[in-house]
């Protein structure tokens, strides 16, 4: 009888221990699943945000591209740099390159002061745009070049619009400044631009 009792007691202890181990494993598994689920949700959210940002940037690129191809746009510059100079961050409302209805305008106003030839701390020139050429490379970047002739300016302008963004750069080579000048910023249709134009030469 005593042997039977000890046997039953041993079986009971084994069962209890096994049940506890199963419970611990189940809890551990549940935690691991929860951790993986949280990780997956976080990654999915990250990818969704990235996809939304890329879609927005592509939409902005398409708007800029349409403006470029219609020759009716404004490059609102946030940075201006001379070939052998230090980049200067500027106000995009008063520093720009514009092409509209066959007329190109270039304005540089790095100080925003009420002085200068244009009355806002810089210079504003405009002239007739000619020999306008637009091309696209294998990566989808878009280029446009043209000559501009007018009072105070005789220059070659080269625009580079980066694929998938409204970011662009204008390279101006000629008598606009003492050296080649680079305007970097975003391209918008002229009708959507809020630039302030000073007095032209």
N, C-alpha and C. Protein backbone atom coordinates (compact mmCIF):
# COMPACT_ATOMS: atom_id res chain seq x y z
N UNK A 1 0.83 -1.21 0.00
CA UNK A 1 0.00 0.00 0.00
C UNK A 1 0.86 1.25 0.00
N UNK A 2 1.93 1.18 0.82
CA UNK A 2 2.84 2.34 0.90
C UNK A 2 3.52 2.57 -0.44
N UNK A 3 3.87 1.47 -1.14
CA UNK A 3 4.52 1.60 -2.44
C UNK A 3 3.58 2.24 -3.46
N UNK A 4 2.31 1.84 -3.39
CA UNK A 4 1.32 2.44 -4.31
C UNK A 4 1.18 3.93 -4.04
N UNK A 5 1.16 4.28 -2.77
CA UNK A 5 1.02 5.70 -2.40
C UNK A 5 2.21 6.51 -2.92
N UNK A 6 3.38 5.97 -2.73
CA UNK A 6 4.59 6.67 -3.20
C UNK A 6 4.59 6.80 -4.72
N UNK A 7 4.11 5.76 -5.38
CA UNK A 7 4.03 5.80 -6.83
C UNK A 7 3.07 6.87 -7.31
N UNK A 8 1.91 6.90 -6.68
CA UNK A 8 0.92 7.93 -7.04
C UNK A 8 1.45 9.34 -6.76
N UNK A 9 2.15 9.48 -5.64
CA UNK A 9 2.71 10.78 -5.28
C UNK A 9 3.74 11.22 -6.32
N UNK A 10 4.57 10.25 -6.74
CA UNK A 10 5.59 10.56 -7.76
C UNK A 10 4.96 10.96 -9.07
N UNK A 11 3.91 10.24 -9.46
CA UNK A 11 3.22 10.58 -10.70
C UNK A 11 2.59 11.97 -10.63
N UNK A 12 2.02 12.26 -9.44
CA UNK A 12 1.38 13.57 -9.25
C UNK A 12 2.40 14.68 -9.37
N UNK A 13 3.58 14.50 -8.73
CA UNK A 13 4.64 15.52 -8.78
C UNK A 13 5.15 15.70 -10.21
N UNK A 14 5.31 14.60 -10.92
CA UNK A 14 5.77 14.67 -12.32
C UNK A 14 4.76 15.43 -13.18
N UNK A 15 3.49 15.11 -12.96
CA UNK A 15 2.43 15.77 -13.73
C UNK A 15 2.42 17.27 -13.46
N UNK A 16 2.53 17.60 -12.14
CA UNK A 16 2.50 19.02 -11.75
C UNK A 16 3.68 19.78 -12.36
N UNK A 17 4.87 19.18 -12.25
CA UNK A 17 6.08 19.81 -12.81
C UNK A 17 5.96 19.99 -14.32
N UNK A 18 5.46 18.96 -14.98
CA UNK A 18 5.30 19.01 -16.43
C UNK A 18 4.30 20.10 -16.83
N UNK A 19 3.22 20.18 -16.07
CA UNK A 19 2.19 21.19 -16.35
C UNK A 19 2.76 22.59 -16.18
N UNK A 20 3.57 22.76 -15.13
CA UNK A 20 4.19 24.07 -14.89
C UNK A 20 5.15 24.44 -16.02
N UNK A 21 5.91 23.44 -16.48
CA UNK A 21 6.83 23.69 -17.58
C UNK A 21 6.09 24.06 -18.86
N UNK A 22 4.99 23.36 -19.11
CA UNK A 22 4.17 23.66 -20.30
C UNK A 22 3.62 25.08 -20.22
N UNK A 23 3.17 25.46 -19.03
CA UNK A 23 2.62 26.80 -18.82
C UNK A 23 3.69 27.86 -19.07
N UNK A 24 4.91 27.62 -18.52
CA UNK A 24 6.02 28.56 -18.71
C UNK A 24 6.38 28.69 -20.19
N UNK A 25 6.41 27.55 -20.88
CA UNK A 25 6.73 27.57 -22.31
C UNK A 25 5.67 28.34 -23.10
N UNK A 26 4.40 28.14 -22.72
CA UNK A 26 3.30 28.82 -23.40
C UNK A 26 3.40 30.33 -23.20
N UNK A 27 3.72 30.74 -21.95
CA UNK A 27 3.87 32.17 -21.65
C UNK A 27 5.04 32.76 -22.44
N UNK A 28 6.16 32.01 -22.46
CA UNK A 28 7.34 32.46 -23.19
C UNK A 28 7.03 32.60 -24.68
N UNK A 29 6.33 31.59 -25.22
CA UNK A 29 5.97 31.62 -26.64
C UNK A 29 5.06 32.80 -26.95
N UNK A 30 4.09 33.05 -26.07
CA UNK A 30 3.16 34.16 -26.26
C UNK A 30 3.90 35.50 -26.26
N UNK A 31 4.88 35.63 -25.36
CA UNK A 31 5.67 36.87 -25.29
C UNK A 31 6.48 37.06 -26.56
N UNK A 32 7.07 35.95 -27.03
CA UNK A 32 7.88 36.02 -28.25
C UNK A 32 7.01 36.39 -29.46
N UNK A 33 5.83 35.80 -29.53
CA UNK A 33 4.90 36.11 -30.62
C UNK A 33 4.48 37.57 -30.55
N UNK A 34 4.19 38.05 -29.33
CA UNK A 34 3.79 39.44 -29.15
C UNK A 34 4.92 40.38 -29.56
N UNK A 35 6.15 40.01 -29.19
CA UNK A 35 7.31 40.83 -29.54
C UNK A 35 7.50 40.90 -31.04
N UNK A 36 7.37 39.73 -31.69
CA UNK A 36 7.51 39.68 -33.15
C UNK A 36 6.39 40.45 -33.84
N UNK A 37 5.18 40.36 -33.28
CA UNK A 37 4.04 41.07 -33.85
C UNK A 37 4.25 42.58 -33.76
N UNK A 38 4.76 43.04 -32.61
CA UNK A 38 5.04 44.46 -32.44
C UNK A 38 6.12 44.93 -33.41
N UNK A 39 7.14 44.09 -33.57
CA UNK A 39 8.23 44.41 -34.48
C UNK A 39 7.73 44.50 -35.92
N UNK A 40 6.87 43.53 -36.29
CA UNK A 40 6.31 43.51 -37.64
C UNK A 40 5.42 44.73 -37.88
N UNK A 41 4.62 45.09 -36.86
CA UNK A 41 3.74 46.25 -36.97
C UNK A 41 4.55 47.53 -37.11
N UNK A 42 5.64 47.62 -36.35
CA UNK A 42 6.51 48.80 -36.41
C UNK A 42 7.15 48.93 -37.79
N UNK A 43 7.61 47.80 -38.32
CA UNK A 43 8.23 47.79 -39.64
C UNK A 43 7.21 48.14 -40.72
N UNK A 44 5.99 47.60 -40.59
CA UNK A 44 4.93 47.90 -41.56
C UNK A 44 4.58 49.39 -41.55
N UNK A 45 4.54 49.97 -40.35
CA UNK A 45 4.25 51.40 -40.22
C UNK A 45 5.36 52.23 -40.87
N UNK A 46 6.60 51.81 -40.63
CA UNK A 46 7.76 52.50 -41.21
C UNK A 46 7.71 52.45 -42.73
N UNK A 47 7.39 51.29 -43.28
CA UNK A 47 7.31 51.13 -44.73
C UNK A 47 6.16 51.94 -45.31
N UNK A 48 5.05 52.02 -44.57
CA UNK A 48 3.89 52.78 -45.04
C UNK A 48 4.22 54.27 -45.10
N UNK A 49 4.91 54.76 -44.07
CA UNK A 49 5.32 56.17 -44.04
C UNK A 49 6.28 56.46 -45.20
N UNK A 50 7.24 55.54 -45.41
CA UNK A 50 8.20 55.71 -46.48
C UNK A 50 7.51 55.73 -47.84
N UNK A 51 6.55 54.83 -48.03
CA UNK A 51 5.82 54.77 -49.29
C UNK A 51 5.01 56.04 -49.52
N UNK A 52 4.41 56.56 -48.45
CA UNK A 52 3.62 57.79 -48.56
C UNK A 52 4.52 58.98 -48.92
N UNK A 53 5.70 59.03 -48.29
CA UNK A 53 6.64 60.11 -48.59
C UNK A 53 7.13 60.03 -50.03
N UNK A 54 7.43 58.83 -50.49
CA UNK A 54 7.89 58.65 -51.87
C UNK A 54 6.79 59.02 -52.87
N UNK A 55 5.55 58.67 -52.53
CA UNK A 55 4.42 59.01 -53.40
C UNK A 55 4.25 60.53 -53.47
N UNK A 56 4.40 61.21 -52.32
CA UNK A 56 4.29 62.66 -52.28
C UNK A 56 5.40 63.31 -53.10
N UNK A 57 6.61 62.80 -52.93
CA UNK A 57 7.75 63.35 -53.67
C UNK A 57 7.58 63.13 -55.17
N UNK A 58 7.06 61.97 -55.55
CA UNK A 58 6.85 61.70 -56.97
C UNK A 58 5.76 62.61 -57.54
N UNK A 59 4.73 62.87 -56.75
CA UNK A 59 3.67 63.79 -57.20
C UNK A 59 4.25 65.19 -57.41
N UNK A 60 5.11 65.63 -56.49
CA UNK A 60 5.76 66.94 -56.62
C UNK A 60 6.68 66.97 -57.84
N UNK A 61 7.35 65.84 -58.10
CA UNK A 61 8.22 65.75 -59.27
C UNK A 61 7.39 65.89 -60.55
N UNK A 62 6.26 65.22 -60.61
CA UNK A 62 5.42 65.28 -61.81
C UNK A 62 4.90 66.69 -62.06
N UNK A 63 4.56 67.41 -60.99
CA UNK A 63 4.12 68.79 -61.13
C UNK A 63 5.26 69.66 -61.66
N UNK A 64 6.45 69.47 -61.07
CA UNK A 64 7.62 70.23 -61.52
C UNK A 64 7.98 69.90 -62.96
N UNK A 65 7.90 68.62 -63.30
CA UNK A 65 8.22 68.18 -64.66
C UNK A 65 7.27 68.80 -65.69
N UNK A 66 5.97 68.82 -65.35
CA UNK A 66 4.99 69.42 -66.26
C UNK A 66 5.28 70.91 -66.46
N UNK A 67 5.65 71.59 -65.36
CA UNK A 67 5.98 73.01 -65.45
C UNK A 67 7.22 73.23 -66.31
N UNK A 68 8.22 72.35 -66.12
CA UNK A 68 9.45 72.47 -66.89
C UNK A 68 9.19 72.28 -68.38
N UNK A 69 8.42 71.25 -68.71
CA UNK A 69 8.14 70.95 -70.12
C UNK A 69 7.28 72.02 -70.78
N UNK A 70 6.48 72.73 -69.97
CA UNK A 70 5.64 73.79 -70.53
C UNK A 70 6.38 75.14 -70.55
N UNK A 71 7.63 75.13 -70.06
CA UNK A 71 8.45 76.36 -70.01
C UNK A 71 7.75 77.47 -69.25
N UNK A 72 7.15 77.10 -68.12
CA UNK A 72 6.41 78.07 -67.31
C UNK A 72 6.61 77.72 -65.84
N UNK A 73 7.77 78.11 -65.31
CA UNK A 73 8.13 77.67 -63.97
C UNK A 73 9.00 78.70 -63.26
N UNK A 74 9.17 78.44 -61.96
CA UNK A 74 10.08 79.24 -61.13
C UNK A 74 10.91 78.29 -60.28
N UNK A 75 12.21 78.47 -60.32
CA UNK A 75 13.09 77.75 -59.41
C UNK A 75 13.29 78.66 -58.21
N UNK A 76 12.66 78.33 -57.10
CA UNK A 76 12.78 79.14 -55.89
C UNK A 76 14.01 78.68 -55.12
N UNK A 77 15.05 79.49 -55.13
CA UNK A 77 16.35 79.07 -54.59
C UNK A 77 16.44 79.23 -53.09
N UNK A 78 16.96 78.21 -52.45
CA UNK A 78 17.25 78.23 -51.02
C UNK A 78 18.75 78.40 -50.77
N UNK A 79 19.52 78.12 -51.83
CA UNK A 79 20.97 78.23 -51.72
C UNK A 79 21.54 78.77 -53.01
N UNK A 80 22.52 79.67 -52.89
CA UNK A 80 23.22 80.23 -54.04
C UNK A 80 24.71 80.03 -53.82
N UNK A 81 25.38 79.61 -54.88
CA UNK A 81 26.81 79.34 -54.74
C UNK A 81 27.55 79.76 -56.00
N UNK A 82 28.65 80.47 -55.81
CA UNK A 82 29.53 80.80 -56.92
C UNK A 82 30.52 79.65 -57.09
N UNK A 83 31.08 79.53 -58.28
CA UNK A 83 31.93 78.40 -58.60
C UNK A 83 33.06 78.22 -57.62
N UNK A 84 33.70 79.31 -57.22
CA UNK A 84 34.82 79.21 -56.30
C UNK A 84 34.51 79.90 -54.97
N UNK A 85 33.25 79.86 -54.59
CA UNK A 85 32.84 80.54 -53.36
C UNK A 85 32.19 79.62 -52.36
N UNK A 86 31.76 80.21 -51.25
CA UNK A 86 31.07 79.46 -50.20
C UNK A 86 29.57 79.53 -50.42
N UNK A 87 28.84 78.43 -50.30
CA UNK A 87 27.38 78.47 -50.48
C UNK A 87 26.73 79.43 -49.48
N UNK A 88 25.71 80.13 -49.95
CA UNK A 88 24.97 81.04 -49.09
C UNK A 88 23.51 80.63 -49.10
N UNK A 89 22.92 80.48 -47.92
CA UNK A 89 21.50 80.16 -47.83
C UNK A 89 20.71 81.45 -47.92
N UNK A 90 19.72 81.46 -48.80
CA UNK A 90 19.00 82.68 -49.13
C UNK A 90 17.50 82.48 -49.02
N UNK A 91 16.77 83.57 -49.14
CA UNK A 91 15.32 83.56 -49.07
C UNK A 91 14.75 83.15 -50.44
N UNK A 92 14.02 82.03 -50.53
CA UNK A 92 13.48 81.59 -51.83
C UNK A 92 12.44 82.54 -52.41
N UNK A 93 11.91 83.44 -51.60
CA UNK A 93 10.93 84.40 -52.12
C UNK A 93 11.57 85.51 -52.94
N UNK A 94 12.88 85.71 -52.75
CA UNK A 94 13.55 86.81 -53.45
C UNK A 94 14.77 86.35 -54.26
N UNK A 95 15.00 85.05 -54.32
CA UNK A 95 16.10 84.52 -55.11
C UNK A 95 15.56 83.41 -56.00
N UNK A 96 15.62 83.63 -57.29
CA UNK A 96 14.95 82.68 -58.18
C UNK A 96 15.46 82.77 -59.61
N UNK A 97 15.08 81.73 -60.37
CA UNK A 97 15.23 81.70 -61.82
C UNK A 97 13.84 81.40 -62.37
N UNK A 98 13.38 82.24 -63.28
CA UNK A 98 12.02 82.11 -63.80
C UNK A 98 12.04 82.04 -65.32
N UNK A 99 11.18 81.18 -65.85
CA UNK A 99 10.97 81.12 -67.30
C UNK A 99 9.47 81.11 -67.56
N UNK A 100 9.01 82.08 -68.32
CA UNK A 100 7.56 82.16 -68.59
C UNK A 100 7.34 82.96 -69.87
N UNK A 101 6.55 82.39 -70.76
CA UNK A 101 6.18 83.05 -72.02
C UNK A 101 7.40 83.56 -72.79
N UNK A 102 8.43 82.73 -72.80
CA UNK A 102 9.61 83.06 -73.58
C UNK A 102 10.55 84.05 -72.94
N UNK A 103 10.24 84.49 -71.73
CA UNK A 103 11.10 85.45 -71.03
C UNK A 103 11.72 84.78 -69.80
N UNK A 104 13.02 84.93 -69.65
CA UNK A 104 13.72 84.38 -68.50
C UNK A 104 14.11 85.52 -67.56
N UNK A 105 13.92 85.29 -66.27
CA UNK A 105 14.29 86.28 -65.25
C UNK A 105 15.17 85.60 -64.21
N UNK A 106 16.21 86.32 -63.80
CA UNK A 106 17.11 85.82 -62.76
C UNK A 106 17.23 86.91 -61.70
N UNK A 107 17.00 86.53 -60.47
CA UNK A 107 17.10 87.50 -59.38
C UNK A 107 17.96 86.94 -58.25
N UNK A 108 18.92 87.76 -57.84
CA UNK A 108 19.80 87.41 -56.72
C UNK A 108 19.72 88.53 -55.69
N UNK A 109 19.24 88.20 -54.50
CA UNK A 109 19.10 89.19 -53.42
C UNK A 109 19.52 88.54 -52.11
N UNK A 110 20.81 88.36 -51.90
CA UNK A 110 21.28 87.61 -50.72
C UNK A 110 21.08 88.33 -49.39
N UNK A 111 20.88 89.65 -49.41
CA UNK A 111 20.80 90.38 -48.14
C UNK A 111 19.40 90.78 -47.73
N UNK A 112 18.45 90.80 -48.70
CA UNK A 112 17.07 91.24 -48.43
C UNK A 112 17.04 92.67 -47.87
N UNK A 113 18.03 93.47 -48.20
CA UNK A 113 18.04 94.87 -47.75
C UNK A 113 17.36 95.75 -48.77
N UNK A 114 16.95 96.95 -48.35
CA UNK A 114 16.27 97.87 -49.26
C UNK A 114 17.27 98.70 -50.05
N UNK A 115 18.31 98.02 -50.51
CA UNK A 115 19.33 98.66 -51.33
C UNK A 115 19.61 97.77 -52.52
N UNK A 116 20.60 98.16 -53.31
CA UNK A 116 20.92 97.35 -54.48
C UNK A 116 20.17 97.82 -55.70
N UNK A 117 20.58 97.31 -56.84
CA UNK A 117 19.99 97.75 -58.10
C UNK A 117 18.50 97.43 -58.19
N UNK A 118 18.08 96.36 -57.53
CA UNK A 118 16.66 95.98 -57.64
C UNK A 118 15.82 96.47 -56.46
N UNK A 119 16.46 97.16 -55.50
CA UNK A 119 15.72 97.70 -54.35
C UNK A 119 15.50 96.72 -53.22
N UNK A 120 15.98 95.48 -53.39
CA UNK A 120 15.81 94.48 -52.32
C UNK A 120 17.13 93.78 -52.00
N UNK A 121 18.22 94.50 -52.22
CA UNK A 121 19.51 93.97 -51.82
C UNK A 121 20.23 93.12 -52.84
N UNK A 122 19.95 93.34 -54.11
CA UNK A 122 20.63 92.53 -55.12
C UNK A 122 20.41 93.05 -56.51
N UNK A 123 20.25 92.11 -57.44
CA UNK A 123 20.10 92.45 -58.84
C UNK A 123 19.02 91.58 -59.48
N UNK A 124 18.26 92.17 -60.38
CA UNK A 124 17.23 91.45 -61.12
C UNK A 124 17.44 91.73 -62.60
N UNK A 125 17.58 90.68 -63.39
CA UNK A 125 17.76 90.84 -64.84
C UNK A 125 16.79 89.92 -65.56
N UNK A 126 16.45 90.31 -66.77
CA UNK A 126 15.57 89.46 -67.57
C UNK A 126 15.86 89.67 -69.04
N UNK A 127 15.51 88.67 -69.81
CA UNK A 127 15.75 88.75 -71.25
C UNK A 127 14.99 87.66 -71.97
N UNK A 128 15.19 87.60 -73.26
CA UNK A 128 14.50 86.63 -74.09
C UNK A 128 15.23 85.29 -74.06
N UNK A 129 14.48 84.23 -73.81
CA UNK A 129 15.05 82.88 -73.79
C UNK A 129 15.00 82.29 -75.19
N UNK A 130 16.10 81.66 -75.59
CA UNK A 130 16.14 81.06 -76.93
C UNK A 130 16.87 79.73 -76.87
N UNK A 131 16.72 78.97 -77.95
CA UNK A 131 17.38 77.66 -78.08
C UNK A 131 17.10 76.78 -76.85
N UNK A 132 15.83 76.70 -76.46
CA UNK A 132 15.43 75.90 -75.30
C UNK A 132 15.44 74.41 -75.67
N UNK A 133 16.21 73.65 -74.91
CA UNK A 133 16.32 72.20 -75.16
C UNK A 133 16.07 71.44 -73.86
N UNK A 134 15.26 70.39 -73.94
CA UNK A 134 14.95 69.57 -72.76
C UNK A 134 15.27 68.11 -73.06
N UNK A 135 15.90 67.43 -72.11
CA UNK A 135 16.25 66.03 -72.30
C UNK A 135 16.16 65.27 -70.98
N UNK A 136 16.15 63.95 -71.08
CA UNK A 136 16.06 63.08 -69.90
C UNK A 136 17.12 62.00 -70.01
N UNK A 137 17.82 61.74 -68.90
CA UNK A 137 18.85 60.70 -68.95
C UNK A 137 18.26 59.35 -68.57
N UNK A 138 19.11 58.33 -68.53
CA UNK A 138 18.66 56.96 -68.29
C UNK A 138 18.07 56.78 -66.89
N UNK A 139 18.46 57.64 -65.94
CA UNK A 139 17.96 57.54 -64.57
C UNK A 139 16.67 58.33 -64.35
N UNK A 140 16.24 59.05 -65.38
CA UNK A 140 15.01 59.82 -65.26
C UNK A 140 15.22 61.27 -64.84
N UNK A 141 16.46 61.68 -64.64
CA UNK A 141 16.74 63.09 -64.34
C UNK A 141 16.50 63.92 -65.59
N UNK A 142 15.96 65.11 -65.41
CA UNK A 142 15.57 65.93 -66.55
C UNK A 142 16.45 67.18 -66.61
N UNK A 143 16.85 67.53 -67.83
CA UNK A 143 17.72 68.68 -68.04
C UNK A 143 17.08 69.64 -69.04
N UNK A 144 17.30 70.91 -68.79
CA UNK A 144 16.86 71.92 -69.76
C UNK A 144 17.93 73.00 -69.85
N UNK A 145 18.21 73.42 -71.05
CA UNK A 145 19.19 74.48 -71.25
C UNK A 145 18.62 75.52 -72.21
N UNK A 146 19.04 76.75 -72.01
CA UNK A 146 18.64 77.83 -72.93
C UNK A 146 19.58 79.02 -72.78
N UNK A 147 19.56 79.85 -73.79
CA UNK A 147 20.30 81.11 -73.75
C UNK A 147 19.33 82.21 -73.34
N UNK A 148 19.83 83.18 -72.60
CA UNK A 148 19.00 84.33 -72.26
C UNK A 148 19.79 85.59 -72.58
N UNK A 149 19.16 86.46 -73.36
CA UNK A 149 19.79 87.72 -73.78
C UNK A 149 18.88 88.87 -73.39
N UNK A 150 19.45 89.86 -72.73
CA UNK A 150 18.67 91.02 -72.34
C UNK A 150 19.56 92.06 -71.70
N UNK A 151 18.95 93.09 -71.19
CA UNK A 151 19.72 94.15 -70.55
C UNK A 151 20.34 93.62 -69.26
N UNK A 152 21.64 93.65 -69.21
CA UNK A 152 22.34 93.20 -68.01
C UNK A 152 22.62 91.71 -67.95
N UNK A 153 22.20 90.95 -68.97
CA UNK A 153 22.46 89.51 -68.94
C UNK A 153 22.64 88.94 -70.34
N UNK A 154 23.64 88.12 -70.46
CA UNK A 154 23.87 87.32 -71.65
C UNK A 154 24.47 86.02 -71.13
N UNK A 155 23.66 85.02 -70.98
CA UNK A 155 24.12 83.84 -70.26
C UNK A 155 23.49 82.56 -70.78
N UNK A 156 24.18 81.47 -70.45
CA UNK A 156 23.67 80.12 -70.70
C UNK A 156 23.12 79.58 -69.39
N UNK A 157 21.89 79.11 -69.41
CA UNK A 157 21.24 78.57 -68.21
C UNK A 157 21.01 77.08 -68.40
N UNK A 158 21.43 76.29 -67.43
CA UNK A 158 21.21 74.84 -67.47
C UNK A 158 20.47 74.42 -66.21
N UNK A 159 19.30 73.83 -66.39
CA UNK A 159 18.46 73.38 -65.27
C UNK A 159 18.57 71.86 -65.14
N UNK A 160 18.72 71.38 -63.92
CA UNK A 160 18.72 69.94 -63.65
C UNK A 160 17.63 69.63 -62.63
N UNK A 161 16.66 68.83 -63.04
CA UNK A 161 15.57 68.40 -62.16
C UNK A 161 15.78 66.94 -61.80
N UNK A 162 15.96 66.67 -60.51
CA UNK A 162 16.26 65.31 -60.06
C UNK A 162 15.02 64.42 -60.07
N UNK A 163 15.16 63.23 -60.61
CA UNK A 163 14.06 62.27 -60.68
C UNK A 163 13.47 61.99 -59.30
N UNK A 164 12.14 62.01 -59.20
CA UNK A 164 11.46 61.67 -57.96
C UNK A 164 11.40 62.78 -56.94
N UNK A 165 11.66 64.01 -57.35
CA UNK A 165 11.65 65.14 -56.42
C UNK A 165 11.45 66.43 -57.19
N UNK A 166 11.03 67.48 -56.48
CA UNK A 166 10.94 68.79 -57.13
C UNK A 166 12.22 69.60 -56.92
N UNK A 167 13.25 68.96 -56.37
CA UNK A 167 14.53 69.62 -56.14
C UNK A 167 15.26 69.81 -57.47
N UNK A 168 15.85 70.98 -57.65
CA UNK A 168 16.55 71.23 -58.90
C UNK A 168 17.67 72.25 -58.71
N UNK A 169 18.50 72.34 -59.72
CA UNK A 169 19.62 73.26 -59.69
C UNK A 169 19.69 74.00 -61.03
N UNK A 170 20.02 75.28 -60.97
CA UNK A 170 20.24 76.07 -62.17
C UNK A 170 21.68 76.53 -62.19
N UNK A 171 22.36 76.26 -63.27
CA UNK A 171 23.73 76.73 -63.47
C UNK A 171 23.69 77.86 -64.47
N UNK A 172 24.20 79.03 -64.08
CA UNK A 172 24.16 80.20 -64.94
C UNK A 172 25.59 80.62 -65.26
N UNK A 173 25.93 80.52 -66.53
CA UNK A 173 27.28 80.87 -66.99
C UNK A 173 27.18 82.02 -67.97
N UNK A 174 27.89 83.09 -67.72
CA UNK A 174 27.86 84.24 -68.62
C UNK A 174 28.23 85.49 -67.86
N UNK A 175 27.60 86.60 -68.20
CA UNK A 175 27.95 87.86 -67.57
C UNK A 175 27.05 88.23 -66.40
N UNK A 176 26.27 87.24 -65.89
CA UNK A 176 25.38 87.55 -64.78
C UNK A 176 26.16 87.91 -63.53
N UNK A 177 27.28 87.26 -63.32
CA UNK A 177 28.10 87.52 -62.15
C UNK A 177 29.56 87.39 -62.50
N UNK A 178 30.43 87.53 -61.55
CA UNK A 178 31.86 87.41 -61.81
C UNK A 178 32.28 85.99 -62.13
N UNK A 179 31.39 85.05 -61.93
CA UNK A 179 31.72 83.64 -62.13
C UNK A 179 30.43 82.88 -62.38
N UNK A 180 30.56 81.58 -62.62
CA UNK A 180 29.38 80.73 -62.75
C UNK A 180 28.61 80.74 -61.43
N UNK A 181 27.29 80.84 -61.51
CA UNK A 181 26.46 80.89 -60.32
C UNK A 181 25.50 79.70 -60.32
N UNK A 182 25.34 79.07 -59.16
CA UNK A 182 24.43 77.94 -59.02
C UNK A 182 23.28 78.32 -58.08
N UNK A 183 22.06 78.13 -58.55
CA UNK A 183 20.87 78.32 -57.72
C UNK A 183 20.30 76.93 -57.42
N UNK A 184 20.10 76.62 -56.15
CA UNK A 184 19.55 75.32 -55.77
C UNK A 184 18.28 75.51 -54.94
N UNK A 185 17.23 74.80 -55.29
CA UNK A 185 15.96 74.92 -54.56
C UNK A 185 14.92 73.98 -55.14
N UNK A 186 13.68 74.42 -55.15
CA UNK A 186 12.61 73.58 -55.70
C UNK A 186 11.94 74.29 -56.86
N UNK A 187 11.40 73.49 -57.75
CA UNK A 187 10.73 74.03 -58.94
C UNK A 187 9.21 73.96 -58.74
N UNK A 188 8.55 75.05 -59.05
CA UNK A 188 7.09 75.11 -58.96
C UNK A 188 6.54 75.77 -60.21
N UNK A 189 5.29 75.47 -60.58
CA UNK A 189 4.67 76.21 -61.68
C UNK A 189 4.61 77.69 -61.34
N UNK A 190 4.75 78.55 -62.33
CA UNK A 190 4.77 79.98 -62.09
C UNK A 190 3.53 80.45 -61.34
N UNK A 191 2.38 79.88 -61.67
CA UNK A 191 1.13 80.31 -61.05
C UNK A 191 1.07 79.95 -59.57
N UNK A 192 1.91 79.02 -59.13
CA UNK A 192 1.93 78.62 -57.72
C UNK A 192 3.05 79.30 -56.92
N UNK A 193 3.85 80.09 -57.60
CA UNK A 193 5.00 80.70 -56.94
C UNK A 193 4.62 82.00 -56.25
N UNK A 194 5.28 82.28 -55.12
CA UNK A 194 5.03 83.51 -54.36
C UNK A 194 6.26 84.40 -54.30
N UNK A 195 7.12 84.32 -55.32
CA UNK A 195 8.34 85.12 -55.30
C UNK A 195 8.01 86.61 -55.47
N UNK A 196 8.88 87.42 -54.89
CA UNK A 196 8.75 88.88 -55.01
C UNK A 196 9.84 89.38 -55.95
N UNK A 197 9.42 90.02 -57.02
CA UNK A 197 10.37 90.48 -58.04
C UNK A 197 10.70 91.95 -57.84
N UNK A 198 12.02 92.24 -57.76
CA UNK A 198 12.46 93.62 -57.61
C UNK A 198 12.52 94.34 -58.95
N UNK A 199 13.11 95.52 -58.95
CA UNK A 199 13.25 96.30 -60.18
C UNK A 199 14.27 95.67 -61.10
N UNK A 200 13.89 95.49 -62.35
CA UNK A 200 14.83 94.94 -63.33
C UNK A 200 15.73 96.05 -63.87
N UNK A 201 16.91 95.67 -64.32
CA UNK A 201 17.82 96.64 -64.93
C UNK A 201 17.22 97.17 -66.22
